Amino acid sequence: MEVSYNLRYQKSNFSNKVVIDKEGEIIIYGKGFRLKGKGAGDKGELINFSELKEFYYKDEKIIFITFNKEKYILTDSGNLFDQLLIDIYKARNEFLMDALFMKGGKLRAEFEGNFERLSKFNKLINKGHAKIKLFEKSLVLVPEIQDAFAINFDFVSFYEFDELDYSLKIVTDDGSTITVSQLGNDYEFFQEKMDMLLGGMYETIVNDG
């Protein structure tokens, strides 16, 4: 994956002093992106997703802060802002899934649906539409413009399907609750796969030959 967008970017140092403010472009790669100004002589700077401490968006601005306390603000992407956001999160979520070892075993199925995640105090953490990836040992939710997160089956304390709402409720060991719904025609297949995986009936055959 490699896509680019024209925009304006501003960089501030740890004391909040603006050190770069220029028109240029962002080039998105698999593990990060490059910000560079206009002109062939500007090499810009490469930023890996692993360097980011905070990453969020607000009012058509994309803001991120590195572990070195450098702050970047990306603006003026025009009517391509939504697509830029989708492409950054797509690359970032692929990185997060690998870096945080979210993929437990082999991928067994993939769906699309809605999710809602509540803390143990019943406070909304996040919700939205997401790709739902079922691995042998984990369920990974990959929203379009939010960070991906995983539910390791070893840490599931309770789960149940609601046949009326066509939804799945999962409670984890730390008390948080995740509800998956709006799976459409895939609901029964999703239920069957989840029962197999969460029910411990799935056997992985490893062939070293």
N, C-alpha and C. Protein backbone atom coordinates (compact mmCIF):
# COMPACT_ATOMS: atom_id res chain seq x y z
N MET A 1 0.84 -1.20 0.00
CA MET A 1 0.00 0.00 0.00
C MET A 1 0.87 1.25 0.00
N GLU A 2 0.63 2.14 -0.94
CA GLU A 2 1.33 3.42 -0.97
C GLU A 2 0.44 4.43 -1.67
N VAL A 3 -0.12 5.36 -0.91
CA VAL A 3 -0.98 6.40 -1.48
C VAL A 3 -0.53 7.75 -0.95
N SER A 4 -0.83 8.81 -1.69
CA SER A 4 -0.40 10.14 -1.24
C SER A 4 -1.55 11.14 -1.36
N TYR A 5 -1.49 12.16 -0.53
CA TYR A 5 -2.49 13.22 -0.52
C TYR A 5 -1.79 14.56 -0.34
N ASN A 6 -2.27 15.57 -1.02
CA ASN A 6 -1.77 16.93 -0.81
C ASN A 6 -2.45 17.52 0.43
N LEU A 7 -1.65 18.25 1.22
CA LEU A 7 -2.19 18.86 2.43
C LEU A 7 -1.20 19.89 2.96
N ARG A 8 -1.54 20.42 4.10
CA ARG A 8 -0.62 21.32 4.83
C ARG A 8 -0.29 20.64 6.15
N TYR A 9 0.96 20.76 6.56
CA TYR A 9 1.26 20.17 7.86
C TYR A 9 2.12 21.11 8.69
N GLN A 10 1.91 21.00 9.98
CA GLN A 10 2.60 21.83 10.96
C GLN A 10 3.24 20.93 12.00
N LYS A 11 4.45 21.24 12.34
CA LYS A 11 5.17 20.45 13.36
C LYS A 11 5.60 21.37 14.49
N SER A 12 5.30 20.96 15.73
CA SER A 12 5.74 21.71 16.91
C SER A 12 6.68 20.84 17.73
N ASN A 13 7.65 21.47 18.41
CA ASN A 13 8.55 20.68 19.25
C ASN A 13 7.98 20.51 20.65
N PHE A 14 8.77 19.92 21.55
CA PHE A 14 8.27 19.58 22.89
C PHE A 14 7.88 20.83 23.70
N SER A 15 8.42 22.01 23.32
CA SER A 15 8.05 23.23 24.04
C SER A 15 6.94 23.99 23.32
N ASN A 16 6.28 23.29 22.37
CA ASN A 16 5.12 23.82 21.64
C ASN A 16 5.47 24.94 20.65
N LYS A 17 6.72 25.01 20.26
CA LYS A 17 7.14 26.00 19.27
C LYS A 17 7.01 25.39 17.87
N VAL A 18 6.35 26.13 16.95
CA VAL A 18 6.18 25.64 15.59
C VAL A 18 7.52 25.70 14.86
N VAL A 19 7.97 24.53 14.38
CA VAL A 19 9.26 24.48 13.69
C VAL A 19 9.09 24.24 12.18
N ILE A 20 7.95 23.70 11.77
CA ILE A 20 7.65 23.51 10.35
C ILE A 20 6.19 23.87 10.11
N ASP A 21 5.93 24.61 9.05
CA ASP A 21 4.56 24.91 8.65
C ASP A 21 4.60 25.09 7.13
N LYS A 22 4.18 24.07 6.41
CA LYS A 22 4.33 24.13 4.95
C LYS A 22 3.26 23.33 4.22
N GLU A 23 3.07 23.68 2.98
CA GLU A 23 2.22 22.90 2.10
C GLU A 23 3.04 21.78 1.51
N GLY A 24 2.42 20.62 1.39
CA GLY A 24 3.16 19.48 0.87
C GLY A 24 2.26 18.29 0.67
N GLU A 25 2.77 17.14 1.06
CA GLU A 25 1.98 15.91 0.88
C GLU A 25 2.32 14.89 1.95
N ILE A 26 1.41 13.95 2.11
CA ILE A 26 1.64 12.79 2.96
C ILE A 26 1.65 11.57 2.05
N ILE A 27 2.64 10.72 2.24
CA ILE A 27 2.72 9.46 1.50
C ILE A 27 2.58 8.34 2.54
N ILE A 28 1.54 7.53 2.39
CA ILE A 28 1.24 6.50 3.39
C ILE A 28 1.82 5.16 2.94
N TYR A 29 2.59 4.54 3.82
CA TYR A 29 3.18 3.22 3.56
C TYR A 29 2.54 2.19 4.49
N GLY A 30 3.08 0.99 4.47
CA GLY A 30 2.54 -0.06 5.31
C GLY A 30 2.79 0.15 6.79
N LYS A 31 3.96 0.74 7.15
CA LYS A 31 4.31 0.84 8.56
C LYS A 31 4.44 2.28 9.04
N GLY A 32 3.99 3.22 8.21
CA GLY A 32 4.10 4.61 8.60
C GLY A 32 3.81 5.52 7.42
N PHE A 33 4.34 6.74 7.49
CA PHE A 33 4.11 7.67 6.39
C PHE A 33 5.23 8.71 6.34
N ARG A 34 5.33 9.37 5.19
CA ARG A 34 6.31 10.44 5.02
C ARG A 34 5.57 11.75 4.80
N LEU A 35 6.03 12.79 5.50
CA LEU A 35 5.51 14.14 5.30
C LEU A 35 6.59 14.94 4.60
N LYS A 36 6.26 15.57 3.50
CA LYS A 36 7.27 16.36 2.79
C LYS A 36 6.63 17.58 2.17
N GLY A 37 7.43 18.63 2.06
CA GLY A 37 6.96 19.87 1.45
C GLY A 37 7.03 19.79 -0.06
N LYS A 38 6.53 20.82 -0.70
CA LYS A 38 6.55 20.86 -2.17
C LYS A 38 7.99 21.06 -2.65
N GLY A 39 8.27 20.50 -3.81
CA GLY A 39 9.60 20.66 -4.37
C GLY A 39 10.40 19.38 -4.28
N ALA A 40 11.13 19.10 -5.35
CA ALA A 40 11.87 17.83 -5.42
C ALA A 40 12.97 17.74 -4.38
N GLY A 41 13.47 18.89 -3.93
CA GLY A 41 14.58 18.86 -2.97
C GLY A 41 14.17 18.55 -1.55
N ASP A 42 12.87 18.59 -1.27
CA ASP A 42 12.39 18.34 0.09
C ASP A 42 12.18 16.84 0.30
N LYS A 43 13.05 16.24 1.09
CA LYS A 43 12.95 14.80 1.36
C LYS A 43 11.92 14.50 2.45
N GLY A 44 11.61 15.54 3.23
CA GLY A 44 10.61 15.36 4.28
C GLY A 44 11.11 14.50 5.42
N GLU A 45 10.19 13.94 6.16
CA GLU A 45 10.58 13.05 7.25
C GLU A 45 9.65 11.85 7.32
N LEU A 46 10.26 10.72 7.60
CA LEU A 46 9.52 9.46 7.69
C LEU A 46 9.13 9.21 9.14
N ILE A 47 7.86 8.93 9.36
CA ILE A 47 7.36 8.67 10.71
C ILE A 47 6.73 7.28 10.73
N ASN A 48 7.24 6.43 11.59
CA ASN A 48 6.69 5.08 11.74
C ASN A 48 5.54 5.11 12.74
N PHE A 49 4.56 4.24 12.53
CA PHE A 49 3.44 4.17 13.47
C PHE A 49 3.92 3.82 14.88
N SER A 50 5.05 3.12 14.97
CA SER A 50 5.58 2.74 16.28
C SER A 50 6.08 3.95 17.08
N GLU A 51 6.28 5.09 16.40
CA GLU A 51 6.76 6.30 17.08
C GLU A 51 5.62 7.13 17.69
N LEU A 52 4.38 6.76 17.36
CA LEU A 52 3.24 7.60 17.76
C LEU A 52 2.74 7.24 19.15
N LYS A 53 2.67 8.24 20.01
CA LYS A 53 2.12 8.07 21.35
C LYS A 53 0.62 8.33 21.34
N GLU A 54 0.21 9.37 20.61
CA GLU A 54 -1.21 9.72 20.48
C GLU A 54 -1.55 9.93 19.01
N PHE A 55 -2.77 9.58 18.64
CA PHE A 55 -3.21 9.75 17.25
C PHE A 55 -4.72 9.95 17.26
N TYR A 56 -5.18 11.07 16.74
CA TYR A 56 -6.63 11.32 16.74
C TYR A 56 -6.96 12.37 15.67
N TYR A 57 -8.24 12.60 15.46
CA TYR A 57 -8.66 13.60 14.47
C TYR A 57 -9.80 14.43 15.06
N LYS A 58 -9.90 15.66 14.57
CA LYS A 58 -10.90 16.59 15.11
C LYS A 58 -11.07 17.74 14.11
N ASP A 59 -12.31 18.04 13.75
CA ASP A 59 -12.63 19.17 12.87
C ASP A 59 -11.78 19.19 11.60
N GLU A 60 -11.73 18.06 10.92
CA GLU A 60 -10.96 17.91 9.68
C GLU A 60 -9.47 18.20 9.86
N LYS A 61 -9.00 17.94 11.06
CA LYS A 61 -7.56 17.98 11.33
C LYS A 61 -7.15 16.61 11.86
N ILE A 62 -5.99 16.14 11.41
CA ILE A 62 -5.42 14.91 11.95
C ILE A 62 -4.24 15.32 12.83
N ILE A 63 -4.27 14.87 14.06
CA ILE A 63 -3.28 15.29 15.05
C ILE A 63 -2.57 14.07 15.62
N PHE A 64 -1.26 14.14 15.70
CA PHE A 64 -0.55 13.05 16.37
C PHE A 64 0.67 13.59 17.09
N ILE A 65 1.02 12.90 18.15
CA ILE A 65 2.15 13.27 19.01
C ILE A 65 3.06 12.06 19.12
N THR A 66 4.35 12.28 18.92
CA THR A 66 5.31 11.18 18.99
C THR A 66 5.79 11.00 20.44
N PHE A 67 6.51 9.91 20.66
CA PHE A 67 7.08 9.67 21.99
C PHE A 67 8.15 10.71 22.32
N ASN A 68 8.68 11.38 21.29
CA ASN A 68 9.65 12.46 21.51
C ASN A 68 8.97 13.80 21.79
N LYS A 69 7.64 13.76 21.95
CA LYS A 69 6.82 14.94 22.27
C LYS A 69 6.77 15.96 21.13
N GLU A 70 6.95 15.48 19.92
CA GLU A 70 6.75 16.34 18.75
C GLU A 70 5.29 16.20 18.33
N LYS A 71 4.68 17.34 18.01
CA LYS A 71 3.26 17.34 17.65
C LYS A 71 3.10 17.75 16.20
N TYR A 72 2.27 17.01 15.48
CA TYR A 72 2.00 17.30 14.08
C TYR A 72 0.51 17.53 13.90
N ILE A 73 0.18 18.51 13.06
CA ILE A 73 -1.21 18.77 12.71
C ILE A 73 -1.32 18.79 11.19
N LEU A 74 -2.16 17.90 10.65
CA LEU A 74 -2.36 17.82 9.21
C LEU A 74 -3.70 18.48 8.86
N THR A 75 -3.67 19.44 7.94
CA THR A 75 -4.89 20.17 7.57
C THR A 75 -4.96 20.36 6.05
N ASP A 76 -6.02 20.99 5.62
CA ASP A 76 -6.19 21.43 4.22
C ASP A 76 -6.11 20.29 3.20
N SER A 77 -6.71 19.15 3.55
CA SER A 77 -6.76 18.06 2.57
C SER A 77 -8.03 18.13 1.72
N GLY A 78 -8.85 19.17 1.99
CA GLY A 78 -10.04 19.42 1.18
C GLY A 78 -11.07 18.31 1.28
N ASN A 79 -11.73 18.04 0.13
CA ASN A 79 -12.80 17.05 0.15
C ASN A 79 -12.27 15.62 0.21
N LEU A 80 -10.95 15.46 0.28
CA LEU A 80 -10.36 14.11 0.39
C LEU A 80 -10.07 13.74 1.85
N PHE A 81 -10.48 14.59 2.79
CA PHE A 81 -10.17 14.32 4.20
C PHE A 81 -10.66 12.95 4.66
N ASP A 82 -11.91 12.63 4.34
CA ASP A 82 -12.48 11.35 4.80
C ASP A 82 -11.69 10.16 4.26
N GLN A 83 -11.32 10.23 2.98
CA GLN A 83 -10.58 9.13 2.38
C GLN A 83 -9.16 9.05 2.94
N LEU A 84 -8.56 10.21 3.20
CA LEU A 84 -7.23 10.25 3.83
C LEU A 84 -7.27 9.57 5.19
N LEU A 85 -8.29 9.89 5.96
CA LEU A 85 -8.45 9.30 7.30
C LEU A 85 -8.59 7.78 7.20
N ILE A 86 -9.41 7.33 6.27
CA ILE A 86 -9.62 5.89 6.07
C ILE A 86 -8.31 5.19 5.71
N ASP A 87 -7.54 5.80 4.81
CA ASP A 87 -6.28 5.18 4.36
C ASP A 87 -5.23 5.15 5.46
N ILE A 88 -5.16 6.20 6.28
CA ILE A 88 -4.20 6.20 7.39
C ILE A 88 -4.57 5.12 8.40
N TYR A 89 -5.86 5.06 8.75
CA TYR A 89 -6.29 4.06 9.73
C TYR A 89 -6.14 2.64 9.18
N LYS A 90 -6.34 2.47 7.89
CA LYS A 90 -6.18 1.14 7.28
C LYS A 90 -4.75 0.65 7.46
N ALA A 91 -3.79 1.53 7.16
CA ALA A 91 -2.37 1.17 7.32
C ALA A 91 -2.01 1.02 8.80
N ARG A 92 -2.50 1.95 9.61
CA ARG A 92 -2.19 1.91 11.05
C ARG A 92 -2.75 0.64 11.70
N ASN A 93 -3.95 0.26 11.33
CA ASN A 93 -4.56 -0.92 11.94
C ASN A 93 -3.86 -2.21 11.52
N GLU A 94 -3.38 -2.27 10.28
CA GLU A 94 -2.58 -3.43 9.87
C GLU A 94 -1.32 -3.50 10.72
N PHE A 95 -0.70 -2.34 10.95
CA PHE A 95 0.49 -2.28 11.80
C PHE A 95 0.17 -2.72 13.23
N LEU A 96 -0.93 -2.19 13.79
CA LEU A 96 -1.30 -2.52 15.17
C LEU A 96 -1.59 -4.01 15.35
N MET A 97 -2.25 -4.60 14.36
CA MET A 97 -2.59 -6.02 14.47
C MET A 97 -1.33 -6.89 14.57
N ASP A 98 -0.30 -6.48 13.83
CA ASP A 98 0.96 -7.23 13.90
C ASP A 98 1.76 -6.87 15.14
N ALA A 99 1.90 -5.57 15.40
CA ALA A 99 2.74 -5.11 16.51
C ALA A 99 2.20 -5.54 17.87
N LEU A 100 0.88 -5.61 18.00
CA LEU A 100 0.28 -5.97 19.30
C LEU A 100 -0.17 -7.43 19.35
N PHE A 101 0.29 -8.21 18.38
CA PHE A 101 0.01 -9.65 18.33
C PHE A 101 -1.47 -9.97 18.48
N MET A 102 -2.29 -9.23 17.72
CA MET A 102 -3.74 -9.45 17.81
C MET A 102 -4.17 -10.72 17.09
N LYS A 103 -3.42 -11.11 16.08
CA LYS A 103 -3.82 -12.26 15.27
C LYS A 103 -3.44 -13.55 15.99
N GLY A 104 -4.43 -14.22 16.56
CA GLY A 104 -4.18 -15.45 17.28
C GLY A 104 -4.38 -16.67 16.39
N GLY A 105 -3.29 -17.17 15.83
CA GLY A 105 -3.41 -18.33 14.95
C GLY A 105 -3.84 -17.94 13.55
N LYS A 106 -4.43 -18.89 12.86
CA LYS A 106 -4.83 -18.66 11.46
C LYS A 106 -6.18 -17.93 11.38
N LEU A 107 -6.34 -17.15 10.30
CA LEU A 107 -7.61 -16.48 10.05
C LEU A 107 -8.63 -17.52 9.59
N ARG A 108 -9.77 -17.57 10.28
CA ARG A 108 -10.79 -18.58 9.97
C ARG A 108 -11.99 -18.00 9.22
N ALA A 109 -12.30 -16.73 9.43
CA ALA A 109 -13.44 -16.12 8.73
C ALA A 109 -13.39 -14.62 8.92
N GLU A 110 -14.08 -13.91 8.03
CA GLU A 110 -14.12 -12.45 8.12
C GLU A 110 -15.54 -11.96 7.81
N PHE A 111 -16.01 -11.01 8.61
CA PHE A 111 -17.37 -10.50 8.48
C PHE A 111 -17.34 -8.98 8.57
N GLU A 112 -18.52 -8.38 8.39
CA GLU A 112 -18.68 -6.94 8.65
C GLU A 112 -19.91 -6.75 9.50
N GLY A 113 -19.81 -5.81 10.44
CA GLY A 113 -20.96 -5.55 11.30
C GLY A 113 -20.71 -4.36 12.19
N ASN A 114 -21.58 -4.15 13.16
CA ASN A 114 -21.44 -3.07 14.11
C ASN A 114 -20.94 -3.60 15.44
N PHE A 115 -20.30 -2.73 16.21
CA PHE A 115 -19.85 -3.15 17.54
C PHE A 115 -20.07 -2.01 18.53
N GLU A 116 -20.15 -2.41 19.79
CA GLU A 116 -20.21 -1.43 20.89
C GLU A 116 -19.39 -2.01 22.04
N ARG A 117 -18.47 -1.20 22.57
CA ARG A 117 -17.60 -1.67 23.65
C ARG A 117 -17.81 -0.81 24.88
N LEU A 118 -18.16 -1.46 26.00
CA LEU A 118 -18.40 -0.77 27.27
C LEU A 118 -17.37 -1.20 28.30
N SER A 119 -16.99 -0.27 29.18
CA SER A 119 -16.06 -0.60 30.25
C SER A 119 -16.80 -1.39 31.34
N LYS A 120 -16.05 -1.84 32.34
CA LYS A 120 -16.69 -2.60 33.44
C LYS A 120 -17.65 -1.72 34.24
N PHE A 121 -17.53 -0.39 34.08
CA PHE A 121 -18.44 0.54 34.75
C PHE A 121 -19.61 0.92 33.84
N ASN A 122 -19.75 0.18 32.73
CA ASN A 122 -20.83 0.39 31.77
C ASN A 122 -20.71 1.73 31.03
N LYS A 123 -19.48 2.22 30.91
CA LYS A 123 -19.24 3.47 30.19
C LYS A 123 -18.78 3.14 28.78
N LEU A 124 -19.35 3.87 27.80
CA LEU A 124 -19.02 3.61 26.40
C LEU A 124 -17.55 3.93 26.12
N ILE A 125 -16.82 2.95 25.61
CA ILE A 125 -15.44 3.17 25.19
C ILE A 125 -15.42 3.61 23.72
N ASN A 126 -16.04 2.81 22.88
CA ASN A 126 -16.21 3.19 21.47
C ASN A 126 -17.24 2.29 20.81
N LYS A 127 -17.70 2.72 19.64
CA LYS A 127 -18.64 1.92 18.87
C LYS A 127 -18.53 2.33 17.40
N GLY A 128 -19.10 1.52 16.52
CA GLY A 128 -19.05 1.86 15.11
C GLY A 128 -19.20 0.64 14.23
N HIS A 129 -18.82 0.82 12.96
CA HIS A 129 -18.86 -0.26 11.98
C HIS A 129 -17.44 -0.79 11.83
N ALA A 130 -17.32 -2.11 11.65
CA ALA A 130 -15.98 -2.68 11.60
C ALA A 130 -15.94 -3.97 10.79
N LYS A 131 -14.75 -4.29 10.33
CA LYS A 131 -14.49 -5.63 9.83
C LYS A 131 -14.24 -6.51 11.04
N ILE A 132 -14.80 -7.70 11.01
CA ILE A 132 -14.69 -8.61 12.14
C ILE A 132 -13.89 -9.82 11.68
N LYS A 133 -12.68 -9.94 12.19
CA LYS A 133 -11.80 -11.02 11.76
C LYS A 133 -11.75 -12.09 12.85
N LEU A 134 -12.07 -13.32 12.47
CA LEU A 134 -12.06 -14.44 13.41
C LEU A 134 -10.81 -15.27 13.20
N PHE A 135 -9.95 -15.26 14.20
CA PHE A 135 -8.77 -16.11 14.19
C PHE A 135 -9.00 -17.30 15.12
N GLU A 136 -8.09 -18.23 15.12
CA GLU A 136 -8.26 -19.43 15.96
C GLU A 136 -8.35 -19.10 17.45
N LYS A 137 -7.63 -18.06 17.86
CA LYS A 137 -7.58 -17.76 19.29
C LYS A 137 -8.03 -16.34 19.64
N SER A 138 -8.52 -15.61 18.65
CA SER A 138 -8.93 -14.23 18.95
C SER A 138 -9.95 -13.71 17.94
N LEU A 139 -10.69 -12.70 18.38
CA LEU A 139 -11.60 -11.97 17.51
C LEU A 139 -11.03 -10.55 17.41
N VAL A 140 -10.80 -10.07 16.19
CA VAL A 140 -10.23 -8.75 15.99
C VAL A 140 -11.25 -7.86 15.30
N LEU A 141 -11.50 -6.69 15.87
CA LEU A 141 -12.42 -5.73 15.26
C LEU A 141 -11.59 -4.60 14.66
N VAL A 142 -11.82 -4.34 13.38
CA VAL A 142 -11.04 -3.33 12.65
C VAL A 142 -11.99 -2.25 12.13
N PRO A 143 -12.22 -1.19 12.91
CA PRO A 143 -13.09 -0.11 12.45
C PRO A 143 -12.43 0.67 11.31
N GLU A 144 -13.24 1.42 10.58
CA GLU A 144 -12.71 2.16 9.44
C GLU A 144 -11.87 3.37 9.88
N ILE A 145 -12.32 4.08 10.90
CA ILE A 145 -11.58 5.26 11.34
C ILE A 145 -11.40 5.28 12.87
N GLN A 146 -11.06 4.10 13.41
CA GLN A 146 -10.69 3.97 14.83
C GLN A 146 -9.61 2.89 14.90
N ASP A 147 -8.94 2.84 16.03
CA ASP A 147 -7.91 1.81 16.20
C ASP A 147 -8.53 0.42 16.31
N ALA A 148 -7.87 -0.54 15.70
CA ALA A 148 -8.29 -1.94 15.82
C ALA A 148 -8.06 -2.42 17.25
N PHE A 149 -8.85 -3.41 17.68
CA PHE A 149 -8.61 -4.03 18.99
C PHE A 149 -9.01 -5.50 18.92
N ALA A 150 -8.46 -6.27 19.84
CA ALA A 150 -8.66 -7.72 19.80
C ALA A 150 -9.25 -8.23 21.11
N ILE A 151 -9.97 -9.34 20.99
CA ILE A 151 -10.47 -10.06 22.16
C ILE A 151 -9.85 -11.45 22.11
N ASN A 152 -8.93 -11.72 23.02
CA ASN A 152 -8.31 -13.03 23.09
C ASN A 152 -9.30 -14.00 23.75
N PHE A 153 -9.53 -15.13 23.11
CA PHE A 153 -10.53 -16.07 23.63
C PHE A 153 -10.18 -16.59 25.02
N ASP A 154 -8.90 -16.58 25.38
CA ASP A 154 -8.49 -17.03 26.72
C ASP A 154 -9.01 -16.11 27.80
N PHE A 155 -9.36 -14.85 27.42
CA PHE A 155 -9.80 -13.87 28.41
C PHE A 155 -11.30 -13.60 28.34
N VAL A 156 -12.03 -14.48 27.65
CA VAL A 156 -13.49 -14.36 27.60
C VAL A 156 -14.09 -15.11 28.77
N SER A 157 -14.82 -14.40 29.62
CA SER A 157 -15.41 -15.06 30.79
C SER A 157 -16.85 -15.51 30.52
N PHE A 158 -17.49 -14.87 29.51
CA PHE A 158 -18.90 -15.19 29.24
C PHE A 158 -19.25 -14.69 27.85
N TYR A 159 -20.08 -15.46 27.16
CA TYR A 159 -20.60 -14.96 25.88
C TYR A 159 -21.96 -15.59 25.62
N GLU A 160 -22.81 -14.85 24.90
CA GLU A 160 -24.12 -15.39 24.54
C GLU A 160 -24.64 -14.72 23.28
N PHE A 161 -25.40 -15.47 22.50
CA PHE A 161 -26.06 -14.93 21.31
C PHE A 161 -27.49 -14.58 21.65
N ASP A 162 -27.94 -13.44 21.16
CA ASP A 162 -29.32 -13.02 21.33
C ASP A 162 -30.05 -13.29 20.01
N GLU A 163 -30.91 -14.30 20.02
CA GLU A 163 -31.59 -14.71 18.79
C GLU A 163 -32.60 -13.68 18.30
N LEU A 164 -33.08 -12.82 19.20
CA LEU A 164 -34.04 -11.79 18.80
C LEU A 164 -33.35 -10.60 18.13
N ASP A 165 -32.22 -10.21 18.71
CA ASP A 165 -31.48 -9.04 18.17
C ASP A 165 -30.42 -9.43 17.15
N TYR A 166 -30.23 -10.73 16.97
CA TYR A 166 -29.16 -11.21 16.07
C TYR A 166 -27.82 -10.58 16.46
N SER A 167 -27.48 -10.71 17.72
CA SER A 167 -26.25 -10.09 18.20
C SER A 167 -25.48 -11.05 19.11
N LEU A 168 -24.22 -10.73 19.31
CA LEU A 168 -23.35 -11.50 20.21
C LEU A 168 -22.86 -10.58 21.30
N LYS A 169 -22.95 -11.05 22.54
CA LYS A 169 -22.43 -10.29 23.68
C LYS A 169 -21.26 -11.07 24.29
N ILE A 170 -20.14 -10.38 24.47
CA ILE A 170 -18.96 -10.99 25.06
C ILE A 170 -18.56 -10.19 26.30
N VAL A 171 -18.30 -10.86 27.40
CA VAL A 171 -17.77 -10.22 28.60
C VAL A 171 -16.38 -10.78 28.84
N THR A 172 -15.40 -9.89 29.01
CA THR A 172 -14.02 -10.34 29.20
C THR A 172 -13.65 -10.36 30.69
N ASP A 173 -12.49 -10.90 30.97
CA ASP A 173 -12.04 -11.04 32.36
C ASP A 173 -11.93 -9.71 33.09
N ASP A 174 -11.64 -8.63 32.35
CA ASP A 174 -11.50 -7.33 33.01
C ASP A 174 -12.84 -6.62 33.19
N GLY A 175 -13.94 -7.28 32.81
CA GLY A 175 -15.28 -6.74 33.04
C GLY A 175 -15.84 -5.91 31.91
N SER A 176 -15.08 -5.73 30.83
CA SER A 176 -15.62 -4.96 29.70
C SER A 176 -16.56 -5.84 28.88
N THR A 177 -17.49 -5.19 28.17
CA THR A 177 -18.50 -5.89 27.38
C THR A 177 -18.44 -5.43 25.94
N ILE A 178 -18.42 -6.37 25.03
CA ILE A 178 -18.42 -6.06 23.60
C ILE A 178 -19.65 -6.70 22.98
N THR A 179 -20.44 -5.92 22.26
CA THR A 179 -21.61 -6.44 21.56
C THR A 179 -21.38 -6.30 20.06
N VAL A 180 -21.57 -7.38 19.34
CA VAL A 180 -21.43 -7.38 17.88
C VAL A 180 -22.81 -7.62 17.28
N SER A 181 -23.20 -6.77 16.32
CA SER A 181 -24.54 -6.88 15.73
C SER A 181 -24.52 -6.46 14.26
N GLN A 182 -25.71 -6.43 13.64
CA GLN A 182 -25.87 -5.99 12.25
C GLN A 182 -24.98 -6.79 11.28
N LEU A 183 -24.99 -8.10 11.46
CA LEU A 183 -24.17 -8.96 10.59
C LEU A 183 -24.91 -9.38 9.33
N GLY A 184 -26.18 -9.01 9.25
CA GLY A 184 -26.96 -9.32 8.05
C GLY A 184 -27.11 -10.81 7.82
N ASN A 185 -26.95 -11.22 6.56
CA ASN A 185 -27.14 -12.62 6.19
C ASN A 185 -26.04 -13.54 6.73
N ASP A 186 -24.97 -12.95 7.25
CA ASP A 186 -23.85 -13.75 7.75
C ASP A 186 -24.02 -14.17 9.21
N TYR A 187 -25.12 -13.76 9.84
CA TYR A 187 -25.27 -13.97 11.28
C TYR A 187 -25.14 -15.45 11.67
N GLU A 188 -25.86 -16.32 10.98
CA GLU A 188 -25.83 -17.74 11.36
C GLU A 188 -24.46 -18.35 11.17
N PHE A 189 -23.78 -17.98 10.09
CA PHE A 189 -22.44 -18.49 9.84
C PHE A 189 -21.48 -17.98 10.90
N PHE A 190 -21.64 -16.70 11.28
CA PHE A 190 -20.82 -16.10 12.33
C PHE A 190 -21.05 -16.83 13.66
N GLN A 191 -22.32 -17.10 13.98
CA GLN A 191 -22.64 -17.80 15.23
C GLN A 191 -22.02 -19.20 15.25
N GLU A 192 -22.11 -19.87 14.13
CA GLU A 192 -21.55 -21.23 14.03
C GLU A 192 -20.03 -21.20 14.24
N LYS A 193 -19.35 -20.25 13.60
CA LYS A 193 -17.89 -20.15 13.72
C LYS A 193 -17.49 -19.79 15.15
N MET A 194 -18.20 -18.84 15.75
CA MET A 194 -17.87 -18.42 17.12
C MET A 194 -18.09 -19.55 18.11
N ASP A 195 -19.16 -20.30 17.94
CA ASP A 195 -19.43 -21.43 18.83
C ASP A 195 -18.31 -22.47 18.73
N MET A 196 -17.84 -22.68 17.53
CA MET A 196 -16.75 -23.65 17.34
C MET A 196 -15.47 -23.17 18.02
N LEU A 197 -15.14 -21.88 17.82
CA LEU A 197 -13.89 -21.35 18.34
C LEU A 197 -13.95 -21.12 19.85
N LEU A 198 -14.99 -20.44 20.30
CA LEU A 198 -15.11 -20.14 21.73
C LEU A 198 -15.47 -21.37 22.54
N GLY A 199 -16.16 -22.29 21.89
CA GLY A 199 -16.54 -23.52 22.59
C GLY A 199 -15.39 -24.49 22.75
N GLY A 200 -14.26 -24.14 22.21
CA GLY A 200 -13.09 -24.99 22.37
C GLY A 200 -13.12 -26.25 21.53
N MET A 201 -13.98 -26.25 20.49
CA MET A 201 -14.09 -27.47 19.68
C MET A 201 -13.19 -27.43 18.45
N TYR A 202 -12.52 -26.29 18.29
CA TYR A 202 -11.70 -26.15 17.09
C TYR A 202 -10.33 -26.77 17.32
N GLU A 203 -9.95 -27.68 16.49
CA GLU A 203 -8.64 -28.30 16.61
C GLU A 203 -7.75 -27.83 15.46
N THR A 204 -6.59 -27.35 15.81
CA THR A 204 -5.65 -26.91 14.79
C THR A 204 -4.73 -28.08 14.44
N ILE A 205 -4.67 -28.38 13.19
CA ILE A 205 -3.78 -29.44 12.75
C ILE A 205 -2.51 -28.80 12.21
N VAL A 206 -1.40 -29.07 12.88
CA VAL A 206 -0.13 -28.51 12.46
C VAL A 206 0.64 -29.57 11.69
N ASN A 207 0.93 -29.21 10.46
CA ASN A 207 1.68 -30.16 9.62
C ASN A 207 3.03 -29.57 9.34
N ASP A 208 4.04 -30.13 9.98
CA ASP A 208 5.40 -29.63 9.80
C ASP A 208 6.05 -30.17 8.54
N GLY A 209 5.39 -31.12 7.96
CA GLY A 209 5.97 -31.76 6.77
C GLY A 209 5.87 -30.86 5.58
